[in-house]
Amino acid sequence: MTKSELIILVAHQCKLTRKDAETVVDTMFESIAHSLEIGHRVEVRGFGSFGLKERRARAGRNPKTGEQVSVGAKRVMFFKPGLEMRRRVDSEGDQQ
């Protein structure tokens, strides 16, 4: 599903104009992004949680040359699906 498909779905289900639905979707995504940007975890009950993990600096390799390079410390985002979401996804696979 693309962002534009999500906007159309929200507009239809909530009886909103496309512009209002786009504002809702953009606000939701921006809120999640801002919370992660400042280091907070985002939890949507029944869906899952978004969080950050700190990766320390390490030695890596250039895959083309095999040369050793240093990789700096960084924060990486992760998504952990909630129990309800995992069950829904697992049960969908059983029906095929």
Protein backbone atom coordinates (compact mmCIF):
# COMPACT_ATOMS: atom_id res chain seq x y z
CA MET A 1 0.00 0.00 0.00
CA THR A 2 1.32 3.42 -0.93
CA LYS A 3 0.81 6.66 0.94
CA SER A 4 -1.69 7.89 -1.66
CA GLU A 5 -3.66 4.63 -1.37
CA LEU A 6 -3.71 5.07 2.40
CA ILE A 7 -5.00 8.63 2.02
CA ILE A 8 -7.81 7.46 -0.26
CA LEU A 9 -8.74 4.69 2.20
CA VAL A 10 -8.80 7.08 5.18
CA ALA A 11 -10.86 9.59 3.21
CA HIS A 12 -13.39 6.92 2.23
CA GLN A 13 -13.68 5.21 5.64
CA CYS A 14 -13.84 8.44 7.66
CA LYS A 15 -15.94 10.35 5.12
CA LEU A 16 -13.31 13.08 4.78
CA THR A 17 -12.17 15.05 1.78
CA ARG A 18 -8.96 13.79 0.23
CA LYS A 19 -7.19 16.95 1.43
CA ASP A 20 -8.34 16.43 5.04
CA ALA A 21 -7.33 12.76 4.93
CA GLU A 22 -3.92 13.76 3.56
CA THR A 23 -3.51 16.16 6.50
CA VAL A 24 -4.39 13.37 8.96
CA VAL A 25 -1.94 10.90 7.39
CA ASP A 26 0.86 13.49 7.10
CA THR A 27 0.34 14.58 10.73
CA MET A 28 0.50 10.98 11.92
CA PHE A 29 3.71 10.23 10.01
CA GLU A 30 5.29 13.53 11.06
CA SER A 31 4.44 12.87 14.71
CA ILE A 32 6.05 9.43 14.58
CA ALA A 33 9.14 10.80 12.81
CA HIS A 34 9.51 13.69 15.27
CA SER A 35 9.23 11.39 18.29
CA LEU A 36 11.91 9.10 16.88
CA GLU A 37 14.08 12.07 15.94
CA ILE A 38 14.19 13.24 19.57
CA GLY A 39 14.87 9.70 20.81
CA HIS A 40 11.42 8.62 21.98
CA ARG A 41 9.80 5.25 21.34
CA VAL A 42 6.41 5.16 19.58
CA GLU A 43 3.93 2.45 20.50
CA VAL A 44 0.64 1.86 18.69
CA ARG A 45 -1.24 -0.76 20.72
CA GLY A 46 -2.25 -3.79 18.69
CA PHE A 47 -0.08 -2.68 15.76
CA GLY A 48 3.50 -2.42 16.94
CA SER A 49 6.23 -0.12 18.16
CA PHE A 50 8.92 1.97 16.52
CA GLY A 51 12.17 2.55 18.33
CA LEU A 52 15.83 3.36 17.99
CA LYS A 53 18.92 1.30 18.67
CA GLU A 54 22.35 2.76 19.16
CA ARG A 55 25.06 1.16 17.05
CA ARG A 56 28.60 1.77 18.17
CA ALA A 57 31.48 2.51 15.82
CA ARG A 58 33.08 -0.54 14.28
CA ALA A 59 35.47 -1.74 11.62
CA GLY A 60 33.81 -2.78 8.36
CA ARG A 61 34.92 -3.85 4.89
CA ASN A 62 34.44 -2.35 1.48
CA PRO A 63 32.70 -5.21 -0.40
CA LYS A 64 34.33 -4.26 -3.72
CA THR A 65 37.94 -3.99 -2.61
CA GLY A 66 37.93 -5.87 0.69
CA GLU A 67 39.66 -2.86 2.23
CA GLN A 68 38.94 -2.24 5.90
CA VAL A 69 37.00 0.95 6.62
CA SER A 70 35.73 2.50 9.81
CA VAL A 71 31.97 2.76 10.24
CA GLY A 72 30.88 5.50 12.60
CA ALA A 73 28.40 5.17 15.45
CA LYS A 74 24.79 5.72 14.44
CA ARG A 75 21.18 5.31 15.50
CA VAL A 76 19.02 2.90 13.51
CA MET A 77 15.26 2.68 13.55
CA PHE A 78 13.41 -0.59 14.06
CA PHE A 79 9.81 -1.74 14.01
CA LYS A 80 8.54 -4.50 16.26
CA PRO A 81 5.05 -5.77 15.38
CA GLY A 82 2.56 -6.15 18.21
CA LEU A 83 1.09 -9.51 19.21
CA GLU A 84 -2.24 -8.82 17.47
CA MET A 85 -0.48 -7.82 14.24
CA ARG A 86 1.72 -10.94 14.33
CA ARG A 87 -1.35 -13.12 14.81
CA ARG A 88 -3.19 -11.45 11.91
CA VAL A 89 -0.23 -11.86 9.58
CA ASP A 90 0.33 -15.48 10.64
CA SER A 91 -3.35 -16.39 10.21
CA GLU A 92 -3.40 -14.84 6.72
CA GLY A 93 -0.66 -17.26 5.65
CA ASP A 94 -2.77 -20.21 6.83
CA GLN A 95 -5.64 -19.31 4.48
CA GLN A 96 -3.62 -19.49 1.26
